[in-house]
N, C-alpha and C. Protein backbone atom coordinates (compact mmCIF):
# COMPACT_ATOMS: atom_id res chain seq x y z
N UNK A 1 19.67 -10.07 -3.15
CA UNK A 1 18.57 -10.92 -2.78
C UNK A 1 17.26 -10.23 -3.18
N UNK A 2 16.41 -10.94 -3.87
CA UNK A 2 15.17 -10.33 -4.32
C UNK A 2 14.08 -10.45 -3.25
N UNK A 3 13.18 -9.52 -3.28
CA UNK A 3 12.07 -9.51 -2.34
C UNK A 3 10.96 -10.41 -2.89
N UNK A 4 10.42 -11.29 -2.04
CA UNK A 4 9.33 -12.14 -2.53
C UNK A 4 8.11 -11.29 -2.86
N UNK A 5 7.36 -11.72 -3.87
CA UNK A 5 6.17 -10.98 -4.28
C UNK A 5 4.96 -11.49 -3.53
N UNK A 6 4.13 -10.56 -3.13
CA UNK A 6 2.89 -10.90 -2.46
C UNK A 6 1.75 -10.49 -3.39
N UNK A 7 0.84 -11.35 -3.58
CA UNK A 7 -0.30 -11.08 -4.47
C UNK A 7 -1.40 -10.36 -3.70
N UNK A 8 -1.10 -9.15 -3.30
CA UNK A 8 -2.00 -8.36 -2.46
C UNK A 8 -3.27 -7.94 -3.18
N UNK A 9 -3.22 -7.84 -4.50
CA UNK A 9 -4.37 -7.36 -5.26
C UNK A 9 -5.23 -8.48 -5.83
N UNK A 10 -4.99 -9.69 -5.44
CA UNK A 10 -5.72 -10.83 -6.02
C UNK A 10 -7.22 -10.75 -5.80
N UNK A 11 -7.65 -10.18 -4.68
CA UNK A 11 -9.07 -10.19 -4.34
C UNK A 11 -9.77 -8.85 -4.51
N UNK A 12 -9.12 -7.88 -5.12
CA UNK A 12 -9.78 -6.58 -5.29
C UNK A 12 -10.42 -6.49 -6.67
N UNK A 13 -11.36 -5.57 -6.78
CA UNK A 13 -12.09 -5.42 -8.04
C UNK A 13 -11.20 -4.81 -9.12
N UNK A 14 -11.64 -4.96 -10.35
CA UNK A 14 -10.95 -4.37 -11.49
C UNK A 14 -10.90 -2.85 -11.34
N UNK A 15 -12.00 -2.27 -10.85
CA UNK A 15 -12.06 -0.82 -10.67
C UNK A 15 -11.01 -0.35 -9.67
N UNK A 16 -10.83 -1.09 -8.59
CA UNK A 16 -9.83 -0.73 -7.58
C UNK A 16 -8.42 -0.82 -8.16
N UNK A 17 -8.17 -1.85 -8.95
CA UNK A 17 -6.86 -1.98 -9.59
C UNK A 17 -6.60 -0.81 -10.53
N UNK A 18 -7.63 -0.39 -11.26
CA UNK A 18 -7.48 0.75 -12.18
C UNK A 18 -7.20 2.04 -11.40
N UNK A 19 -7.90 2.21 -10.29
CA UNK A 19 -7.67 3.39 -9.45
C UNK A 19 -6.24 3.39 -8.91
N UNK A 20 -5.77 2.23 -8.49
CA UNK A 20 -4.40 2.13 -8.01
C UNK A 20 -3.41 2.54 -9.10
N UNK A 21 -3.63 2.06 -10.30
CA UNK A 21 -2.75 2.43 -11.42
C UNK A 21 -2.73 3.94 -11.62
N UNK A 22 -3.90 4.56 -11.57
CA UNK A 22 -3.98 6.01 -11.74
C UNK A 22 -3.25 6.74 -10.62
N UNK A 23 -3.41 6.27 -9.40
CA UNK A 23 -2.76 6.92 -8.26
C UNK A 23 -1.24 6.84 -8.37
N UNK A 24 -0.71 5.65 -8.64
CA UNK A 24 0.74 5.52 -8.70
C UNK A 24 1.33 6.27 -9.88
N UNK A 25 0.59 6.33 -10.99
CA UNK A 25 1.06 7.10 -12.14
C UNK A 25 1.07 8.59 -11.81
N UNK A 26 0.03 9.06 -11.15
CA UNK A 26 -0.06 10.48 -10.79
C UNK A 26 1.03 10.86 -9.81
N UNK A 27 1.29 9.99 -8.82
CA UNK A 27 2.31 10.27 -7.82
C UNK A 27 3.73 9.96 -8.32
N UNK A 28 3.80 9.27 -9.46
CA UNK A 28 5.09 8.85 -10.04
C UNK A 28 5.89 8.00 -9.05
N UNK A 29 5.19 7.01 -8.48
CA UNK A 29 5.83 6.06 -7.57
C UNK A 29 5.44 4.65 -8.00
N UNK A 30 6.10 3.67 -7.43
CA UNK A 30 5.76 2.28 -7.72
C UNK A 30 4.64 1.81 -6.79
N UNK A 31 4.02 0.72 -7.16
CA UNK A 31 2.99 0.15 -6.28
C UNK A 31 3.60 -0.24 -4.94
N UNK A 32 4.81 -0.76 -4.97
CA UNK A 32 5.49 -1.12 -3.73
C UNK A 32 5.65 0.10 -2.84
N UNK A 33 6.11 1.21 -3.42
CA UNK A 33 6.28 2.44 -2.64
C UNK A 33 4.94 2.92 -2.09
N UNK A 34 3.89 2.81 -2.88
CA UNK A 34 2.57 3.21 -2.44
C UNK A 34 2.14 2.39 -1.22
N UNK A 35 2.25 1.07 -1.32
CA UNK A 35 1.84 0.23 -0.21
C UNK A 35 2.74 0.41 1.01
N UNK A 36 4.03 0.59 0.79
CA UNK A 36 4.92 0.86 1.92
C UNK A 36 4.48 2.12 2.66
N UNK A 37 4.16 3.16 1.91
CA UNK A 37 3.74 4.43 2.50
C UNK A 37 2.43 4.27 3.27
N UNK A 38 1.46 3.63 2.65
CA UNK A 38 0.15 3.45 3.29
C UNK A 38 0.27 2.60 4.55
N UNK A 39 0.99 1.51 4.45
CA UNK A 39 1.14 0.62 5.60
C UNK A 39 1.88 1.32 6.73
N UNK A 40 2.93 2.06 6.41
CA UNK A 40 3.64 2.82 7.44
C UNK A 40 2.73 3.84 8.11
N UNK A 41 1.92 4.55 7.32
CA UNK A 41 1.00 5.54 7.88
C UNK A 41 -0.01 4.88 8.83
N UNK A 42 -0.63 3.80 8.40
CA UNK A 42 -1.61 3.12 9.24
C UNK A 42 -0.95 2.50 10.46
N UNK A 43 0.24 1.97 10.30
CA UNK A 43 0.96 1.39 11.43
C UNK A 43 1.21 2.46 12.50
N UNK A 44 1.71 3.61 12.07
CA UNK A 44 1.96 4.70 13.01
C UNK A 44 0.67 5.16 13.69
N UNK A 45 -0.38 5.30 12.90
CA UNK A 45 -1.63 5.85 13.43
C UNK A 45 -2.34 4.88 14.37
N UNK A 46 -2.38 3.61 14.01
CA UNK A 46 -3.20 2.67 14.77
C UNK A 46 -2.42 1.76 15.70
N UNK A 47 -1.29 1.26 15.28
CA UNK A 47 -0.54 0.32 16.12
C UNK A 47 0.30 1.07 17.15
N UNK A 48 1.10 2.00 16.70
CA UNK A 48 1.98 2.72 17.62
C UNK A 48 1.16 3.55 18.60
N UNK A 49 0.18 4.28 18.09
CA UNK A 49 -0.65 5.11 18.98
C UNK A 49 -1.45 4.28 19.96
N UNK A 50 -1.94 3.14 19.55
CA UNK A 50 -2.70 2.29 20.46
C UNK A 50 -1.79 1.73 21.54
N UNK A 51 -0.56 1.42 21.21
CA UNK A 51 0.37 0.90 22.20
C UNK A 51 0.76 1.97 23.21
N UNK A 52 0.63 3.24 22.84
CA UNK A 52 0.95 4.33 23.76
C UNK A 52 -0.14 4.53 24.79
N UNK A 53 -1.37 4.10 24.46
CA UNK A 53 -2.51 4.30 25.37
C UNK A 53 -2.56 3.26 26.45
């Protein structure tokens, strides 16, 4: 089963898209992996921690 695609970058600037390309190339990861990592980090920091308070 394939994962549906989300057009998350539709509203960002060309410069931001270029920076993203450079980051994922440097880290040797996919954009999906990058966003998974970032979202997990923010989720842990803000959602989980806030629910603990």
